[in-house]
Amino acid sequence: MKPNYSVKKLKELSKRYARAQRVPLHKARDTVAERLGFPHWNDVTKANKAGWSPTPAQLSDIENLLRDTLPCSQSGRPEDEPYIDASLLGEHAQHGTLDGHEYWISVSLGDVHMYGTGWHLHVPEAPNSAPRLEVAEQIEHEAPIYDAQFQQKALEIAGARAKQVRAGIASDWPRRSTKPDKDGLVRHPISGSDSDKWYCLHCDSSMSGEQIAKSLWHCPNCDASPTDIHENPWWVEDGDAGPKPIRDGDSQRRPELVVDVADTRLKLELDADKITLLIRSALVEDALNATERLGALSADITVLEDHDVWITFDEDLWPEHKEPVSALAVAALLGISVEQELCLRQLPFAWPGLGEHTSSTAEYTKMMLEAYASQRSDKSVD
């Protein structure tokens, strides 16, 4: 091992820690130095020049400092790939218990989701966005999350996970995206543009580089995502009032938890599209051959205001006296009536009767193609 390798690794770890915590590099290095038992980072460099090097145990301790800050894999080590690339696809839910009750926590597109029986806690990626708790109304007073102390503990767990997620995002972005320079310039993490003033397309607000960096590139006013933040208000036309500046006091500060109590049981709301889908599926089930299946798929199904159904079949594709037994059974279950009629229309293929001899679409297609081929102009009428 080269003499300066260990100190070089300390520098790399402190730089990543600074990006994750969004603090100046010198503060991150002083934190590392204190962890090693030195008052300041300068003392570390002086000691190294005098022959001192961190031991493997000390390096491991600094790695743990970073590991506690960033999202980790199931093995407990930071993900090797860039964090944003890994988090866009979400993570598998991690299982845990709180006061004897099971819970699962996962990350999807930067948002943290923690849920248990009868409750779901959502902490958005945007630092200024309020966390929301949904409690199932049907077991409202039985759900453990309804207890104020349990609720606070769950929020702390989800909040800590959200803090890790944000640290991971910040460590994967350019340093200038989360740390303005002396002139207030910051770099957009997606477009790469530099500016000391930014504009939100979503709410038509303007903000300083320091404000947008502090809010992790979500609008401090409306929580719009980084894709809505631009270096110039190109959407403003002549005569418009222009974007309204966001004052520091206007931006949200650690919003309180929002609790929603709702009946989360699934409810079937029948509409014309759903009824049509069920009836047509039943018609296909009633079809005994390829021709009837074409008739089921091409039938006109009209859902009336009272949800009763009118079915119009083509008489060349659906037998005149054939009852759509399955469709009528579905209608009975839905509590609606069915009326039927036959009509003539332009068919998609000639010789519809060919399909009456097979239930295979492939075989019907073969017979239909052969029939068309027999009509080629280079063949005799005989």
Protein backbone atom coordinates (compact mmCIF):
# COMPACT_ATOMS: atom_id res chain seq x y z
CA MET A 1 0.00 0.00 0.00
CA LYS A 2 1.32 3.44 -0.91
CA PRO A 3 2.09 5.73 2.08
CA ASN A 4 -0.54 8.37 1.18
CA TYR A 5 -3.26 5.97 0.04
CA SER A 6 -5.12 5.98 3.38
CA VAL A 7 -5.21 9.77 3.63
CA LYS A 8 -6.33 9.99 0.00
CA LYS A 9 -9.19 7.65 0.84
CA LEU A 10 -10.10 9.85 3.82
CA LYS A 11 -10.30 12.84 1.46
CA GLU A 12 -12.59 10.94 -0.91
CA LEU A 13 -14.86 9.85 1.93
CA SER A 14 -15.04 13.36 3.39
CA LYS A 15 -15.88 14.81 -0.04
CA ARG A 16 -18.74 12.35 -0.48
CA TYR A 17 -19.93 13.08 3.06
CA ALA A 18 -19.94 16.83 2.27
CA ARG A 19 -22.07 16.27 -0.84
CA ALA A 20 -24.48 13.99 1.01
CA GLN A 21 -24.91 16.40 3.93
CA ARG A 22 -24.80 19.49 1.71
CA VAL A 23 -22.20 21.18 3.89
CA PRO A 24 -18.91 22.93 2.97
CA LEU A 25 -16.01 20.57 2.36
CA HIS A 26 -13.95 22.02 5.20
CA LYS A 27 -16.73 21.24 7.69
CA ALA A 28 -16.99 17.68 6.42
CA ARG A 29 -13.24 17.22 6.77
CA ASP A 30 -13.30 18.66 10.28
CA THR A 31 -16.06 16.14 11.12
CA VAL A 32 -13.85 13.33 9.84
CA ALA A 33 -10.89 14.68 11.80
CA GLU A 34 -12.90 14.79 15.03
CA ARG A 35 -14.02 11.21 14.42
CA LEU A 36 -10.32 10.30 14.19
CA GLY A 37 -9.49 12.18 17.40
CA PHE A 38 -8.03 15.36 15.89
CA PRO A 39 -9.33 18.90 16.55
CA HIS A 40 -9.23 19.94 12.87
CA TRP A 41 -8.39 18.54 9.42
CA ASN A 42 -5.15 20.53 9.36
CA ASP A 43 -3.98 18.44 12.30
CA VAL A 44 -4.62 15.29 10.24
CA THR A 45 -2.41 16.54 7.39
CA LYS A 46 0.33 17.60 9.81
CA ALA A 47 0.28 14.21 11.50
CA ASN A 48 0.42 12.46 8.14
CA LYS A 49 3.51 14.45 7.14
CA ALA A 50 5.07 13.35 10.41
CA GLY A 51 4.45 9.70 9.51
CA TRP A 52 0.98 9.02 10.88
CA SER A 53 -1.56 7.01 8.84
CA PRO A 54 -5.07 5.90 9.78
CA THR A 55 -5.43 2.29 10.80
CA PRO A 56 -7.82 -0.08 8.96
CA ALA A 57 -10.17 0.20 11.94
CA GLN A 58 -10.19 4.02 11.69
CA LEU A 59 -10.88 3.89 7.94
CA SER A 60 -13.72 1.46 8.61
CA ASP A 61 -15.11 3.88 11.20
CA ILE A 62 -15.16 6.73 8.65
CA GLU A 63 -16.83 4.44 6.13
CA ASN A 64 -19.49 3.74 8.75
CA LEU A 65 -19.99 7.50 9.16
CA LEU A 66 -20.80 7.73 5.46
CA ARG A 67 -22.76 4.48 5.48
CA ASP A 68 -25.07 5.81 8.20
CA THR A 69 -25.79 8.84 6.00
CA LEU A 70 -26.55 7.18 2.68
CA PRO A 71 -29.14 4.61 1.60
CA CYS A 72 -27.69 1.13 1.84
CA SER A 73 -28.19 -2.21 0.21
CA GLN A 74 -29.46 -5.17 2.15
CA SER A 75 -25.86 -6.11 2.90
CA GLY A 76 -25.51 -2.82 4.79
CA ARG A 77 -23.01 -1.25 2.36
CA PRO A 78 -23.67 1.80 0.16
CA GLU A 79 -24.86 0.96 -3.32
CA ASP A 80 -22.00 0.83 -5.84
CA GLU A 81 -24.02 2.27 -8.71
CA PRO A 82 -25.10 5.94 -8.78
CA TYR A 83 -27.91 6.35 -6.29
CA ILE A 84 -30.38 8.07 -8.62
CA ASP A 85 -30.07 5.33 -11.24
CA ALA A 86 -30.77 2.73 -8.57
CA SER A 87 -33.66 4.58 -6.92
CA LEU A 88 -35.61 5.37 -10.08
CA LEU A 89 -36.68 1.74 -10.26
CA GLY A 90 -37.62 1.71 -6.60
CA GLU A 91 -36.45 -0.63 -3.88
CA HIS A 92 -37.80 -3.80 -2.36
CA ALA A 93 -39.82 -3.20 0.78
CA GLN A 94 -37.89 -3.67 4.02
CA HIS A 95 -39.69 -5.33 6.89
CA GLY A 96 -39.63 -4.22 10.52
CA THR A 97 -41.63 -4.08 13.72
CA LEU A 98 -42.67 -1.10 15.81
CA ASP A 99 -44.16 -1.62 19.27
CA GLY A 100 -44.95 -5.18 18.26
CA HIS A 101 -46.67 -4.22 15.00
CA GLU A 102 -45.27 -5.15 11.59
CA TYR A 103 -44.51 -2.50 9.00
CA TRP A 104 -42.88 -2.31 5.58
CA ILE A 105 -40.90 0.62 4.21
CA SER A 106 -39.81 1.19 0.62
CA VAL A 107 -38.60 3.93 -1.71
CA SER A 108 -40.15 4.72 -5.09
CA LEU A 109 -38.89 7.57 -7.29
CA GLY A 110 -37.42 9.31 -4.24
CA ASP A 111 -40.60 9.07 -2.15
CA VAL A 112 -40.65 7.01 1.04
CA HIS A 113 -43.63 4.75 1.71
CA MET A 114 -44.17 3.14 5.10
CA TYR A 115 -47.24 1.03 5.64
CA GLY A 116 -48.84 -1.50 7.92
CA THR A 117 -52.27 -2.97 8.51
CA GLY A 118 -54.80 -0.22 7.89
CA TRP A 119 -52.35 2.66 7.36
CA HIS A 120 -49.93 4.17 4.84
CA LEU A 121 -47.39 6.92 5.57
CA HIS A 122 -45.98 8.81 2.57
CA VAL A 123 -42.97 11.13 2.84
CA PRO A 124 -42.35 12.92 -0.50
CA GLU A 125 -38.88 13.49 -1.93
CA ALA A 126 -39.40 17.28 -1.85
CA PRO A 127 -38.09 18.54 1.53
CA ASN A 128 -40.82 21.22 1.74
CA SER A 129 -43.68 18.83 1.00
CA ALA A 130 -45.81 17.68 3.93
CA PRO A 131 -45.81 13.98 4.84
CA ARG A 132 -49.24 12.39 4.59
CA LEU A 133 -50.77 9.57 6.59
CA GLU A 134 -53.76 7.65 5.30
CA VAL A 135 -55.72 5.65 7.88
CA ALA A 136 -58.39 3.16 6.85
CA GLU A 137 -61.72 4.45 8.11
CA GLN A 138 -63.15 0.96 8.54
CA ILE A 139 -60.54 0.09 11.21
CA GLU A 140 -59.71 3.65 12.22
CA HIS A 141 -59.62 3.09 15.98
CA GLU A 142 -58.00 -0.34 15.70
CA ALA A 143 -55.03 0.72 13.57
CA PRO A 144 -51.91 1.25 15.75
CA ILE A 145 -50.99 4.33 13.72
CA TYR A 146 -54.03 6.08 15.22
CA ASP A 147 -52.15 6.25 18.53
CA ALA A 148 -50.26 9.56 18.73
CA GLN A 149 -47.05 8.04 20.12
CA PHE A 150 -46.99 5.25 17.53
CA GLN A 151 -47.65 7.84 14.84
CA GLN A 152 -44.69 9.95 15.97
CA LYS A 153 -42.35 6.95 16.06
CA ALA A 154 -43.41 5.89 12.56
CA LEU A 155 -42.86 9.42 11.28
CA GLU A 156 -39.35 9.43 12.77
CA ILE A 157 -38.50 6.15 11.03
CA ALA A 158 -39.87 7.29 7.68
CA GLY A 159 -38.27 10.73 8.11
CA ALA A 160 -34.86 9.19 8.76
CA ARG A 161 -35.24 7.06 5.64
CA ALA A 162 -36.23 10.14 3.62
CA LYS A 163 -33.17 11.97 4.93
CA GLN A 164 -30.99 9.12 3.68
CA VAL A 165 -32.70 9.21 0.29
CA ARG A 166 -32.11 12.95 -0.04
CA ALA A 167 -28.49 12.53 1.02
CA GLY A 168 -28.06 9.86 -1.62
CA ILE A 169 -29.51 12.12 -4.30
CA ALA A 170 -27.34 15.04 -3.24
CA SER A 171 -24.19 12.89 -3.26
CA ASP A 172 -24.95 11.77 -6.81
CA TRP A 173 -25.48 15.31 -8.12
CA PRO A 174 -22.69 17.76 -9.04
CA ARG A 175 -21.33 19.52 -5.97
CA ARG A 176 -22.36 22.92 -7.34
CA SER A 177 -26.01 21.76 -7.50
CA THR A 178 -26.34 21.76 -3.71
CA LYS A 179 -23.66 24.29 -2.71
CA PRO A 180 -23.87 27.82 -4.21
CA ASP A 181 -20.58 29.58 -4.91
CA LYS A 182 -19.70 33.00 -3.45
CA ASP A 183 -21.86 34.71 -6.10
CA GLY A 184 -24.87 32.49 -5.41
CA LEU A 185 -24.49 30.49 -8.63
CA VAL A 186 -25.79 26.93 -8.61
CA ARG A 187 -25.86 24.26 -11.31
CA HIS A 188 -29.06 22.55 -12.43
CA PRO A 189 -28.60 18.81 -11.71
CA ILE A 190 -30.30 17.82 -14.97
CA SER A 191 -29.65 20.54 -17.57
CA GLY A 192 -26.25 21.55 -16.21
CA SER A 193 -27.03 25.28 -16.54
CA ASP A 194 -25.50 27.74 -14.05
CA SER A 195 -27.42 30.70 -12.63
CA ASP A 196 -28.02 32.63 -9.43
CA LYS A 197 -31.75 32.98 -10.16
CA TRP A 198 -34.28 30.31 -11.13
CA TYR A 199 -37.90 30.14 -12.22
CA CYS A 200 -40.69 27.61 -11.65
CA LEU A 201 -42.80 26.74 -14.68
CA HIS A 202 -45.46 25.18 -12.46
CA CYS A 203 -46.36 28.16 -10.24
CA ASP A 204 -44.57 30.98 -12.11
CA SER A 205 -42.32 31.90 -9.16
CA SER A 206 -38.72 33.04 -9.06
CA MET A 207 -36.13 32.08 -6.45
CA SER A 208 -32.45 32.49 -5.64
CA GLY A 209 -29.82 29.85 -6.25
CA GLU A 210 -29.47 29.32 -2.52
CA GLN A 211 -33.22 28.77 -2.11
CA ILE A 212 -33.51 26.17 -4.86
CA ALA A 213 -30.37 24.32 -3.77
CA LYS A 214 -31.61 24.19 -0.19
CA SER A 215 -34.93 22.67 -1.29
CA LEU A 216 -33.12 19.99 -3.34
CA TRP A 217 -34.32 21.56 -6.62
CA HIS A 218 -37.99 21.33 -5.76
CA CYS A 219 -39.84 24.64 -5.90
CA PRO A 220 -40.00 26.07 -2.33
CA ASN A 221 -43.45 27.42 -3.11
CA CYS A 222 -45.29 24.53 -4.82
CA ASP A 223 -42.89 21.55 -4.54
CA ALA A 224 -42.64 21.19 -8.34
CA SER A 225 -39.93 18.76 -9.46
CA PRO A 226 -36.49 19.77 -10.84
CA THR A 227 -37.80 19.35 -14.40
CA ASP A 228 -40.06 22.40 -13.81
CA ILE A 229 -37.17 24.62 -12.68
CA HIS A 230 -35.55 26.75 -15.43
CA GLU A 231 -32.85 29.41 -15.62
CA ASN A 232 -35.11 31.82 -17.50
CA PRO A 233 -38.92 32.28 -17.68
CA TRP A 234 -39.23 31.49 -21.38
CA TRP A 235 -43.01 30.98 -21.02
CA VAL A 236 -43.65 34.62 -19.98
CA GLU A 237 -45.06 36.72 -22.82
CA ASP A 238 -44.90 40.46 -23.33
CA GLY A 239 -47.38 42.23 -21.08
CA ASP A 240 -47.42 39.48 -18.44
CA ALA A 241 -46.73 40.46 -14.85
CA GLY A 242 -43.76 38.11 -14.67
CA PRO A 243 -42.76 35.54 -12.05
CA LYS A 244 -43.29 36.46 -8.41
CA PRO A 245 -40.18 36.25 -6.20
CA ILE A 246 -40.29 33.79 -3.30
CA ARG A 247 -39.21 35.34 -0.04
CA ASP A 248 -37.52 33.17 2.54
CA GLY A 249 -40.52 33.55 4.82
CA ASP A 250 -42.90 32.43 2.07
CA SER A 251 -41.39 28.98 1.61
CA GLN A 252 -42.72 26.12 3.65
CA ARG A 253 -40.80 25.13 6.77
CA ARG A 254 -41.03 21.56 7.99
CA PRO A 255 -44.74 21.02 7.26
CA GLU A 256 -46.78 19.19 9.85
CA LEU A 257 -48.08 15.69 9.18
CA VAL A 258 -51.37 15.63 7.27
CA VAL A 259 -53.70 12.84 8.37
CA ASP A 260 -56.41 11.56 6.03
CA VAL A 261 -59.02 9.13 7.31
CA ALA A 262 -60.80 7.44 4.42
CA ASP A 263 -62.61 4.27 3.51
CA THR A 264 -59.88 2.45 1.59
CA ARG A 265 -62.02 -0.52 0.57
CA LEU A 266 -62.19 -0.99 -3.18
CA LYS A 267 -65.50 -0.02 -4.74
CA LEU A 268 -66.79 -1.01 -8.16
CA GLU A 269 -68.04 1.97 -10.11
CA LEU A 270 -69.68 0.71 -13.28
CA ASP A 271 -69.56 2.92 -16.33
CA ALA A 272 -70.20 2.35 -20.02
CA ASP A 273 -66.62 1.26 -20.75
CA LYS A 274 -66.56 -1.33 -17.95
CA ILE A 275 -69.96 -2.75 -18.86
CA THR A 276 -69.00 -2.94 -22.55
CA LEU A 277 -65.76 -4.74 -21.69
CA LEU A 278 -67.57 -7.39 -19.61
CA ILE A 279 -70.33 -7.94 -22.17
CA ARG A 280 -67.89 -8.23 -25.08
CA SER A 281 -65.73 -10.67 -23.14
CA ALA A 282 -68.83 -12.79 -22.53
CA LEU A 283 -69.77 -12.62 -26.24
CA VAL A 284 -66.32 -13.96 -27.16
CA GLU A 285 -66.91 -16.76 -24.65
CA ASP A 286 -70.24 -17.54 -26.38
CA ALA A 287 -68.59 -17.79 -29.81
CA LEU A 288 -68.12 -21.39 -30.99
CA ASN A 289 -66.05 -20.75 -34.12
CA ALA A 290 -63.92 -18.14 -35.83
CA THR A 291 -66.87 -16.48 -37.59
CA GLU A 292 -68.85 -16.03 -34.39
CA ARG A 293 -65.75 -14.73 -32.63
CA LEU A 294 -65.41 -12.05 -35.32
CA GLY A 295 -69.07 -11.28 -34.77
CA ALA A 296 -68.53 -10.90 -31.02
CA LEU A 297 -65.55 -8.61 -31.52
CA SER A 298 -67.26 -6.41 -34.14
CA ALA A 299 -70.70 -6.20 -32.52
CA ASP A 300 -71.90 -2.72 -31.58
CA ILE A 301 -72.54 -2.55 -27.84
CA THR A 302 -74.44 0.53 -26.66
CA VAL A 303 -74.87 1.23 -22.96
CA LEU A 304 -77.95 3.33 -22.23
CA GLU A 305 -78.39 5.87 -19.44
CA ASP A 306 -79.93 3.28 -17.11
CA HIS A 307 -76.97 0.95 -17.92
CA ASP A 308 -79.17 -1.39 -19.97
CA VAL A 309 -77.36 -2.74 -23.06
CA TRP A 310 -78.25 -2.83 -26.75
CA ILE A 311 -76.22 -5.25 -28.90
CA THR A 312 -76.19 -5.04 -32.70
CA PHE A 313 -74.78 -8.14 -34.46
CA ASP A 314 -73.90 -8.58 -38.10
CA GLU A 315 -76.19 -11.28 -39.48
CA ASP A 316 -73.34 -12.78 -41.56
CA LEU A 317 -71.15 -13.19 -38.47
CA TRP A 318 -73.64 -14.14 -35.76
CA PRO A 319 -76.38 -16.81 -36.19
CA GLU A 320 -79.90 -15.37 -36.18
CA HIS A 321 -81.29 -17.59 -33.44
CA LYS A 322 -78.14 -17.92 -31.30
CA GLU A 323 -78.59 -16.65 -27.76
CA PRO A 324 -75.47 -15.06 -26.15
CA VAL A 325 -75.86 -17.14 -22.99
CA SER A 326 -72.72 -15.90 -21.20
CA ALA A 327 -73.45 -12.25 -22.03
CA LEU A 328 -76.99 -12.60 -20.68
CA ALA A 329 -75.63 -14.21 -17.50
CA VAL A 330 -73.19 -11.32 -17.00
CA ALA A 331 -75.99 -8.81 -17.54
CA ALA A 332 -78.13 -10.61 -14.96
CA LEU A 333 -75.32 -10.39 -12.40
CA LEU A 334 -74.99 -6.67 -13.09
CA GLY A 335 -78.75 -6.18 -12.80
CA ILE A 336 -79.20 -4.85 -16.33
CA SER A 337 -81.22 -5.98 -19.34
CA VAL A 338 -80.00 -6.78 -22.87
CA GLU A 339 -81.69 -6.10 -26.20
CA GLN A 340 -80.41 -7.62 -29.45
CA GLU A 341 -80.77 -6.95 -33.17
CA LEU A 342 -79.21 -8.09 -36.44
CA CYS A 343 -78.12 -5.90 -39.34
CA LEU A 344 -76.09 -6.03 -42.53
CA ARG A 345 -72.83 -4.13 -42.79
CA GLN A 346 -69.64 -4.14 -44.83
CA LEU A 347 -67.54 -7.08 -43.65
CA PRO A 348 -63.78 -6.87 -43.10
CA PHE A 349 -63.23 -10.15 -45.06
CA ALA A 350 -65.15 -11.96 -47.76
CA TRP A 351 -66.55 -15.50 -47.27
CA PRO A 352 -67.49 -15.21 -43.58
CA GLY A 353 -68.85 -18.75 -43.73
CA LEU A 354 -65.30 -20.13 -43.92
CA GLY A 355 -64.85 -19.45 -40.24
CA GLU A 356 -67.81 -21.65 -39.35
CA HIS A 357 -65.65 -24.73 -40.01
CA THR A 358 -62.92 -23.95 -37.47
CA SER A 359 -62.37 -22.34 -34.09
CA SER A 360 -58.74 -21.56 -34.94
CA THR A 361 -58.03 -18.02 -36.09
CA ALA A 362 -54.83 -19.18 -37.79
CA GLU A 363 -56.68 -21.88 -39.74
CA TYR A 364 -59.42 -19.42 -40.70
CA THR A 365 -56.77 -16.95 -41.88
CA LYS A 366 -55.15 -19.66 -44.00
CA MET A 367 -58.47 -20.58 -45.64
CA MET A 368 -59.30 -16.90 -46.18
CA LEU A 369 -55.92 -16.18 -47.81
CA GLU A 370 -56.27 -19.21 -50.08
CA ALA A 371 -59.73 -18.04 -51.11
CA TYR A 372 -58.42 -14.59 -51.96
CA ALA A 373 -55.50 -16.13 -53.84
CA SER A 374 -57.91 -18.07 -56.02
CA GLN A 375 -59.25 -14.75 -57.28
CA ARG A 376 -55.94 -13.62 -58.81
CA SER A 377 -56.25 -12.13 -62.29
CA ASP A 378 -53.56 -14.47 -63.66
CA LYS A 379 -55.76 -17.52 -62.90
CA SER A 380 -58.56 -18.73 -65.13
CA VAL A 381 -62.19 -18.49 -64.03
CA ASP A 382 -62.42 -22.29 -64.14
